[in-house]
Amino acid sequence: MTIPMPPDLWASPSMKGSLRTHAQAAQWMDEQGLSKSELARRFGVSASLVDAILRGQKKCRRGASHNVAVFLCLKAGQPVAAKQPYRRERAQGAAA
């Protein structure tokens, strides 16, 4: 179960139109008192995924990693509304 994000944490007004570097995102999380584990719980992902995003090892093109990157202002875009199914789940759904 994911914990809903408070609206005031989504892209602060001072960051509107500008993106953060990975170091700035990590610093912002620290200033907000938001740990990697807490952010991972809120988005329903692993802490190692959040760590990889903050280190720049993930491209964050879709799904939860995209949502985390948009939330941290690492990339522009809109959060994905629904959880994206894995290929295995889509294949099983098509076979049924």
N, C-alpha and C. Protein backbone atom coordinates (compact mmCIF):
# COMPACT_ATOMS: atom_id res chain seq x y z
N MET A 1 0.84 -1.18 0.00
CA MET A 1 0.00 0.00 0.00
C MET A 1 0.88 1.23 0.00
N THR A 2 0.62 2.15 -0.91
CA THR A 2 1.41 3.37 -0.97
C THR A 2 0.74 4.45 -0.14
N ILE A 3 1.56 5.28 0.43
CA ILE A 3 1.09 6.40 1.25
C ILE A 3 0.96 7.61 0.33
N PRO A 4 -0.19 8.29 0.32
CA PRO A 4 -0.34 9.44 -0.58
C PRO A 4 0.63 10.56 -0.21
N MET A 5 1.12 11.23 -1.24
CA MET A 5 2.06 12.33 -1.04
C MET A 5 1.28 13.61 -0.74
N PRO A 6 1.71 14.35 0.27
CA PRO A 6 1.06 15.63 0.54
C PRO A 6 1.24 16.57 -0.65
N PRO A 7 0.18 17.29 -1.05
CA PRO A 7 0.27 18.15 -2.22
C PRO A 7 1.38 19.19 -2.13
N ASP A 8 1.69 19.65 -0.91
CA ASP A 8 2.71 20.69 -0.78
C ASP A 8 4.12 20.17 -1.07
N LEU A 9 4.31 18.85 -1.11
CA LEU A 9 5.63 18.31 -1.42
C LEU A 9 5.88 18.17 -2.92
N TRP A 10 4.82 18.13 -3.72
CA TRP A 10 5.01 18.01 -5.16
C TRP A 10 5.57 19.31 -5.71
N ALA A 11 6.75 19.25 -6.29
CA ALA A 11 7.40 20.36 -7.00
C ALA A 11 7.10 21.72 -6.38
N SER A 12 7.92 22.10 -5.44
CA SER A 12 7.75 23.38 -4.76
C SER A 12 7.69 24.53 -5.77
N PRO A 13 6.92 25.58 -5.47
CA PRO A 13 6.75 26.70 -6.42
C PRO A 13 8.06 27.33 -6.85
N SER A 14 9.06 27.34 -5.98
CA SER A 14 10.34 27.95 -6.34
C SER A 14 11.06 27.13 -7.41
N MET A 15 10.70 25.83 -7.53
CA MET A 15 11.35 24.97 -8.51
C MET A 15 10.56 24.89 -9.82
N LYS A 16 9.41 25.55 -9.89
CA LYS A 16 8.58 25.45 -11.09
C LYS A 16 9.36 25.93 -12.31
N GLY A 17 9.44 25.09 -13.31
CA GLY A 17 10.14 25.46 -14.53
C GLY A 17 11.63 25.16 -14.51
N SER A 18 12.18 24.74 -13.39
CA SER A 18 13.61 24.41 -13.35
C SER A 18 13.78 23.02 -12.77
N LEU A 19 14.84 22.38 -13.21
CA LEU A 19 15.12 21.01 -12.77
C LEU A 19 16.26 21.01 -11.77
N ARG A 20 16.28 20.00 -10.93
CA ARG A 20 17.35 19.83 -9.95
C ARG A 20 18.39 18.85 -10.49
N THR A 21 19.60 19.00 -10.01
CA THR A 21 20.61 17.98 -10.24
C THR A 21 20.35 16.86 -9.23
N HIS A 22 21.04 15.74 -9.39
CA HIS A 22 20.85 14.63 -8.45
C HIS A 22 21.30 15.05 -7.05
N ALA A 23 22.38 15.81 -6.96
CA ALA A 23 22.86 16.27 -5.66
C ALA A 23 21.87 17.24 -5.02
N GLN A 24 21.29 18.12 -5.82
CA GLN A 24 20.29 19.06 -5.30
C GLN A 24 19.05 18.32 -4.82
N ALA A 25 18.66 17.27 -5.53
CA ALA A 25 17.49 16.48 -5.11
C ALA A 25 17.76 15.79 -3.78
N ALA A 26 18.96 15.24 -3.61
CA ALA A 26 19.31 14.59 -2.35
C ALA A 26 19.33 15.62 -1.22
N GLN A 27 19.85 16.81 -1.50
CA GLN A 27 19.89 17.87 -0.49
C GLN A 27 18.47 18.32 -0.14
N TRP A 28 17.60 18.44 -1.14
CA TRP A 28 16.22 18.84 -0.91
C TRP A 28 15.52 17.82 -0.03
N MET A 29 15.74 16.53 -0.31
CA MET A 29 15.14 15.48 0.52
C MET A 29 15.60 15.61 1.96
N ASP A 30 16.88 15.89 2.15
CA ASP A 30 17.43 16.06 3.49
C ASP A 30 16.78 17.25 4.19
N GLU A 31 16.61 18.35 3.47
CA GLU A 31 15.98 19.55 4.04
C GLU A 31 14.52 19.29 4.42
N GLN A 32 13.85 18.43 3.66
CA GLN A 32 12.45 18.09 3.94
C GLN A 32 12.32 17.03 5.02
N GLY A 33 13.44 16.43 5.41
CA GLY A 33 13.41 15.36 6.39
C GLY A 33 12.86 14.06 5.80
N LEU A 34 13.08 13.89 4.51
CA LEU A 34 12.53 12.75 3.77
C LEU A 34 13.67 11.78 3.44
N SER A 35 13.63 10.60 4.04
CA SER A 35 14.68 9.61 3.78
C SER A 35 14.37 8.84 2.49
N LYS A 36 15.37 8.15 1.98
CA LYS A 36 15.18 7.32 0.79
C LYS A 36 14.14 6.24 1.08
N SER A 37 14.21 5.67 2.26
CA SER A 37 13.27 4.61 2.63
C SER A 37 11.84 5.14 2.69
N GLU A 38 11.66 6.33 3.26
CA GLU A 38 10.32 6.91 3.36
C GLU A 38 9.77 7.23 1.97
N LEU A 39 10.60 7.81 1.12
CA LEU A 39 10.17 8.12 -0.24
C LEU A 39 9.80 6.83 -0.98
N ALA A 40 10.60 5.79 -0.79
CA ALA A 40 10.32 4.49 -1.42
C ALA A 40 8.98 3.95 -0.94
N ARG A 41 8.70 4.03 0.35
CA ARG A 41 7.41 3.56 0.88
C ARG A 41 6.25 4.34 0.28
N ARG A 42 6.40 5.63 0.14
CA ARG A 42 5.32 6.46 -0.39
C ARG A 42 5.01 6.15 -1.84
N PHE A 43 6.03 5.74 -2.59
CA PHE A 43 5.82 5.43 -4.01
C PHE A 43 5.66 3.94 -4.26
N GLY A 44 5.81 3.13 -3.22
CA GLY A 44 5.65 1.69 -3.38
C GLY A 44 6.78 1.04 -4.15
N VAL A 45 7.99 1.55 -3.98
CA VAL A 45 9.17 0.99 -4.65
C VAL A 45 10.22 0.66 -3.60
N SER A 46 11.33 0.09 -4.03
CA SER A 46 12.40 -0.25 -3.09
C SER A 46 13.30 0.95 -2.84
N ALA A 47 13.94 0.95 -1.69
CA ALA A 47 14.88 2.03 -1.36
C ALA A 47 16.07 1.99 -2.31
N SER A 48 16.43 0.81 -2.80
CA SER A 48 17.56 0.72 -3.74
C SER A 48 17.22 1.39 -5.07
N LEU A 49 15.94 1.36 -5.47
CA LEU A 49 15.53 2.07 -6.69
C LEU A 49 15.66 3.58 -6.49
N VAL A 50 15.21 4.07 -5.35
CA VAL A 50 15.34 5.51 -5.06
C VAL A 50 16.82 5.90 -5.04
N ASP A 51 17.66 5.07 -4.45
CA ASP A 51 19.10 5.34 -4.41
C ASP A 51 19.68 5.38 -5.82
N ALA A 52 19.29 4.44 -6.68
CA ALA A 52 19.78 4.41 -8.06
C ALA A 52 19.33 5.66 -8.83
N ILE A 53 18.12 6.11 -8.57
CA ILE A 53 17.62 7.33 -9.22
C ILE A 53 18.44 8.53 -8.78
N LEU A 54 18.71 8.62 -7.47
CA LEU A 54 19.48 9.76 -6.95
C LEU A 54 20.94 9.75 -7.42
N ARG A 55 21.46 8.57 -7.74
CA ARG A 55 22.84 8.47 -8.24
C ARG A 55 22.90 8.63 -9.76
N GLY A 56 21.73 8.72 -10.40
CA GLY A 56 21.70 8.90 -11.85
C GLY A 56 21.90 7.62 -12.64
N GLN A 57 21.66 6.47 -12.02
CA GLN A 57 21.86 5.20 -12.70
C GLN A 57 20.60 4.69 -13.40
N LYS A 58 19.47 5.35 -13.19
CA LYS A 58 18.22 4.97 -13.84
C LYS A 58 17.79 6.08 -14.78
N LYS A 59 17.24 5.71 -15.93
CA LYS A 59 16.77 6.71 -16.89
C LYS A 59 15.38 7.23 -16.54
N CYS A 60 14.62 6.48 -15.76
CA CYS A 60 13.30 6.91 -15.27
C CYS A 60 12.35 7.28 -16.41
N ARG A 61 12.22 6.40 -17.36
CA ARG A 61 11.39 6.68 -18.53
C ARG A 61 9.90 6.44 -18.30
N ARG A 62 9.55 5.50 -17.41
CA ARG A 62 8.13 5.20 -17.21
C ARG A 62 7.91 4.61 -15.83
N GLY A 63 6.63 4.54 -15.46
CA GLY A 63 6.26 3.90 -14.22
C GLY A 63 6.68 4.64 -12.97
N ALA A 64 6.92 3.87 -11.93
CA ALA A 64 7.22 4.44 -10.61
C ALA A 64 8.52 5.24 -10.62
N SER A 65 9.54 4.77 -11.35
CA SER A 65 10.80 5.53 -11.36
C SER A 65 10.59 6.90 -12.01
N HIS A 66 9.74 6.97 -13.03
CA HIS A 66 9.40 8.25 -13.66
C HIS A 66 8.72 9.16 -12.64
N ASN A 67 7.78 8.61 -11.88
CA ASN A 67 7.07 9.40 -10.87
C ASN A 67 8.02 9.94 -9.81
N VAL A 68 8.96 9.12 -9.37
CA VAL A 68 9.93 9.56 -8.37
C VAL A 68 10.78 10.68 -8.94
N ALA A 69 11.25 10.54 -10.18
CA ALA A 69 12.09 11.57 -10.80
C ALA A 69 11.33 12.87 -10.99
N VAL A 70 10.07 12.80 -11.38
CA VAL A 70 9.25 14.01 -11.54
C VAL A 70 9.04 14.66 -10.17
N PHE A 71 8.74 13.84 -9.15
CA PHE A 71 8.55 14.36 -7.80
C PHE A 71 9.78 15.11 -7.30
N LEU A 72 10.97 14.57 -7.60
CA LEU A 72 12.22 15.18 -7.15
C LEU A 72 12.70 16.30 -8.08
N CYS A 73 11.93 16.59 -9.12
CA CYS A 73 12.28 17.62 -10.12
C CYS A 73 13.58 17.28 -10.84
N LEU A 74 13.83 16.00 -11.03
CA LEU A 74 14.99 15.56 -11.80
C LEU A 74 14.67 15.58 -13.29
N LYS A 75 13.37 15.53 -13.60
CA LYS A 75 12.95 15.59 -15.00
C LYS A 75 11.59 16.26 -15.07
N ALA A 76 11.31 16.83 -16.21
CA ALA A 76 10.01 17.46 -16.43
C ALA A 76 9.02 16.38 -16.85
N GLY A 77 7.77 16.63 -16.62
CA GLY A 77 6.74 15.69 -17.05
C GLY A 77 5.63 15.61 -16.05
N GLN A 78 4.68 14.76 -16.37
CA GLN A 78 3.53 14.52 -15.51
C GLN A 78 3.67 13.16 -14.87
N PRO A 79 3.25 13.02 -13.62
CA PRO A 79 3.28 11.70 -12.99
C PRO A 79 2.35 10.74 -13.72
N VAL A 80 2.73 9.48 -13.77
CA VAL A 80 1.89 8.45 -14.37
C VAL A 80 0.79 8.14 -13.37
N ALA A 81 -0.46 8.16 -13.83
CA ALA A 81 -1.60 8.00 -12.93
C ALA A 81 -1.74 6.57 -12.40
N ALA A 82 -1.58 5.60 -13.25
CA ALA A 82 -1.81 4.21 -12.85
C ALA A 82 -0.50 3.44 -12.85
N LYS A 83 -0.45 2.41 -12.02
CA LYS A 83 0.71 1.55 -11.99
C LYS A 83 0.83 0.83 -13.33
N GLN A 84 2.03 0.84 -13.89
CA GLN A 84 2.27 0.19 -15.16
C GLN A 84 2.49 -1.30 -14.95
N PRO A 85 1.80 -2.17 -15.70
CA PRO A 85 1.98 -3.61 -15.51
C PRO A 85 3.32 -4.07 -16.07
N TYR A 86 3.84 -5.11 -15.45
CA TYR A 86 5.07 -5.71 -15.96
C TYR A 86 4.72 -6.53 -17.20
N ARG A 87 5.71 -6.80 -18.02
CA ARG A 87 5.47 -7.57 -19.24
C ARG A 87 4.89 -8.95 -18.93
N ARG A 88 5.38 -9.58 -17.88
CA ARG A 88 4.89 -10.91 -17.51
C ARG A 88 3.39 -10.85 -17.19
N GLU A 89 2.96 -9.81 -16.49
CA GLU A 89 1.54 -9.67 -16.15
C GLU A 89 0.71 -9.42 -17.41
N ARG A 90 1.23 -8.63 -18.33
CA ARG A 90 0.50 -8.36 -19.58
C ARG A 90 0.39 -9.63 -20.39
N ALA A 91 1.46 -10.42 -20.45
CA ALA A 91 1.45 -11.66 -21.23
C ALA A 91 0.45 -12.65 -20.63
N GLN A 92 0.40 -12.74 -19.32
CA GLN A 92 -0.54 -13.65 -18.67
C GLN A 92 -1.97 -13.18 -18.90
N GLY A 93 -2.18 -11.87 -18.86
CA GLY A 93 -3.52 -11.30 -19.08
C GLY A 93 -3.99 -11.56 -20.50
N ALA A 94 -3.10 -11.52 -21.48
CA ALA A 94 -3.46 -11.73 -22.87
C ALA A 94 -3.77 -13.21 -23.14
N ALA A 95 -3.11 -14.11 -22.40
CA ALA A 95 -3.32 -15.53 -22.60
C ALA A 95 -4.65 -16.00 -22.01
N ALA A 96 -5.17 -15.26 -21.06
CA ALA A 96 -6.41 -15.68 -20.37
C ALA A 96 -7.65 -15.43 -21.19
